[in-house]
Amino acid sequence: MAKVAAVKKVPFFVIGAGGASLTNEDCTAYTVHYVYDTTSLANGTATAIVNAGGKTWFYLTADYAFGTQLQNAASKVVEAHGGKNVGAVRVPLGRRISPPSCCRPRHRVHRCWAWRMPAPISATP
């Protein structure tokens, strides 16, 4: 929509999308990104968890732009603060997942944080 708004020369107020691309590569003179983005979410959350001892991370990521951007931003924050990213699973939107399908033995480590990003992924016991 940002590119369409730029072509039509009309303002585009983004209040529901949180991808950092809207304030970076997809930003136009007609775009106002009025909410959080993946960069701010990753900086706040990942920094706090790593500083509290959560140094090893495995990601369950919704397979669309917001989930991918959030994982990429969080991965950078984790590494910048001395943490380690050990793996990730991309999950299609609306698909239910179970722990055995995403937690392969090679990814099992003590004190590993599994960050489910974002909410549309649901886990079953």
Protein backbone atom coordinates (compact mmCIF):
# COMPACT_ATOMS: atom_id res chain seq x y z
CA MET A 1 0.00 0.00 0.00
CA ALA A 2 2.88 2.39 0.70
CA LYS A 3 3.97 2.25 -2.94
CA VAL A 4 0.41 2.70 -4.20
CA ALA A 5 -0.03 5.73 -1.93
CA ALA A 6 3.19 7.22 -3.29
CA VAL A 7 2.07 6.75 -6.89
CA LYS A 8 -1.35 8.27 -6.14
CA LYS A 9 0.26 10.97 -3.94
CA VAL A 10 -2.07 10.37 -1.00
CA PRO A 11 -1.13 9.92 2.66
CA PHE A 12 -1.00 6.36 3.99
CA PHE A 13 -1.27 6.04 7.78
CA VAL A 14 -0.05 2.62 8.90
CA ILE A 15 -1.58 1.66 12.25
CA GLY A 16 -1.83 -2.12 12.10
CA ALA A 17 1.30 -3.39 10.39
CA GLY A 18 4.54 -3.71 12.34
CA GLY A 19 7.16 -4.66 9.77
CA ALA A 20 10.29 -2.52 9.98
CA SER A 21 10.36 -2.38 6.17
CA LEU A 22 7.61 0.25 6.38
CA THR A 23 10.01 2.62 8.12
CA ASN A 24 13.00 1.53 6.03
CA GLU A 25 13.05 0.27 2.43
CA ASP A 26 9.28 0.63 1.81
CA CYS A 27 9.04 4.11 3.31
CA THR A 28 7.79 6.90 1.06
CA ALA A 29 7.12 10.60 1.49
CA TYR A 30 3.44 9.67 1.87
CA THR A 31 3.80 6.97 4.53
CA VAL A 32 3.28 7.57 8.25
CA HIS A 33 4.13 4.49 10.33
CA TYR A 34 2.35 5.28 13.58
CA VAL A 35 2.90 2.13 15.64
CA TYR A 36 5.63 -0.23 16.83
CA ASP A 37 7.84 -2.06 14.39
CA THR A 38 9.87 -5.26 14.47
CA THR A 39 13.07 -3.41 15.33
CA SER A 40 11.64 -1.87 18.49
CA LEU A 41 9.93 -5.13 19.55
CA ALA A 42 13.13 -7.12 19.10
CA ASN A 43 15.31 -4.58 20.87
CA GLY A 44 13.11 -4.36 23.93
CA THR A 45 12.17 -8.02 24.33
CA ALA A 46 15.35 -9.79 23.24
CA THR A 47 17.61 -7.42 25.18
CA ALA A 48 15.65 -7.95 28.39
CA ILE A 49 15.61 -11.75 28.03
CA VAL A 50 19.30 -12.06 27.14
CA ASN A 51 20.26 -9.76 30.02
CA ALA A 52 18.17 -11.96 32.34
CA GLY A 53 20.15 -15.05 31.32
CA GLY A 54 18.31 -16.29 28.21
CA LYS A 55 21.43 -16.65 26.06
CA THR A 56 20.43 -19.50 23.71
CA TRP A 57 17.54 -18.99 21.28
CA PHE A 58 15.43 -21.18 18.99
CA TYR A 59 12.67 -19.50 16.96
CA LEU A 60 9.18 -20.66 15.95
CA THR A 61 8.41 -18.06 13.32
CA ALA A 62 5.22 -17.33 11.41
CA ASP A 63 6.15 -17.57 7.73
CA TYR A 64 5.26 -14.09 6.49
CA ALA A 65 6.91 -10.66 6.40
CA PHE A 66 6.29 -9.62 10.03
CA GLY A 67 7.46 -12.93 11.51
CA THR A 68 10.56 -13.08 9.32
CA GLN A 69 11.53 -9.46 10.04
CA LEU A 70 11.00 -9.94 13.78
CA GLN A 71 13.18 -13.07 13.83
CA ASN A 72 15.94 -11.34 11.85
CA ALA A 73 15.90 -8.32 14.18
CA ALA A 74 15.83 -10.47 17.33
CA SER A 75 18.69 -12.65 16.05
CA LYS A 76 20.89 -9.57 15.64
CA VAL A 77 20.03 -8.32 19.13
CA VAL A 78 20.71 -11.74 20.69
CA GLU A 79 24.15 -11.96 19.06
CA ALA A 80 25.00 -8.34 19.88
CA HIS A 81 24.37 -9.09 23.56
CA GLY A 82 26.47 -12.26 23.61
CA GLY A 83 23.69 -14.78 23.02
CA LYS A 84 23.50 -17.60 20.50
CA ASN A 85 20.86 -18.44 17.87
CA VAL A 86 20.63 -22.23 17.50
CA GLY A 87 17.87 -22.62 14.94
CA ALA A 88 14.42 -21.75 13.66
CA VAL A 89 11.31 -23.31 12.18
CA ARG A 90 9.08 -21.38 9.80
CA VAL A 91 5.40 -22.20 10.30
CA PRO A 92 2.72 -21.31 7.74
CA LEU A 93 -0.04 -19.03 9.04
CA GLY A 94 -2.90 -20.87 10.67
CA ARG A 95 -1.03 -24.17 10.96
CA ARG A 96 -1.04 -25.88 14.33
CA ILE A 97 2.30 -27.20 15.50
CA SER A 98 3.29 -29.62 18.21
CA PRO A 99 6.54 -29.67 20.19
CA PRO A 100 7.84 -32.88 18.56
CA SER A 101 7.55 -31.33 15.09
CA CYS A 102 9.65 -28.29 15.95
CA CYS A 103 12.01 -29.36 18.70
CA ARG A 104 14.32 -31.80 17.00
CA PRO A 105 16.93 -33.41 19.25
CA ARG A 106 19.78 -31.44 17.67
CA HIS A 107 18.15 -28.21 18.89
CA ARG A 108 17.60 -29.26 22.50
CA VAL A 109 19.81 -27.31 24.83
CA HIS A 110 19.48 -26.28 28.44
CA ARG A 111 18.13 -22.80 29.09
CA CYS A 112 16.99 -22.34 25.50
CA TRP A 113 14.39 -19.68 24.81
CA ALA A 114 11.86 -20.58 22.14
CA TRP A 115 10.30 -17.39 20.87
CA ARG A 116 7.02 -17.92 19.06
CA MET A 117 6.65 -15.05 16.63
CA PRO A 118 4.04 -13.68 16.25
CA ALA A 119 0.77 -14.79 17.80
CA PRO A 120 -0.91 -16.50 14.81
CA ILE A 121 1.10 -19.68 15.50
CA SER A 122 -0.58 -21.93 18.03
CA ALA A 123 1.18 -24.79 19.79
CA THR A 124 -0.48 -27.96 20.99
CA PRO A 125 0.81 -30.07 23.88
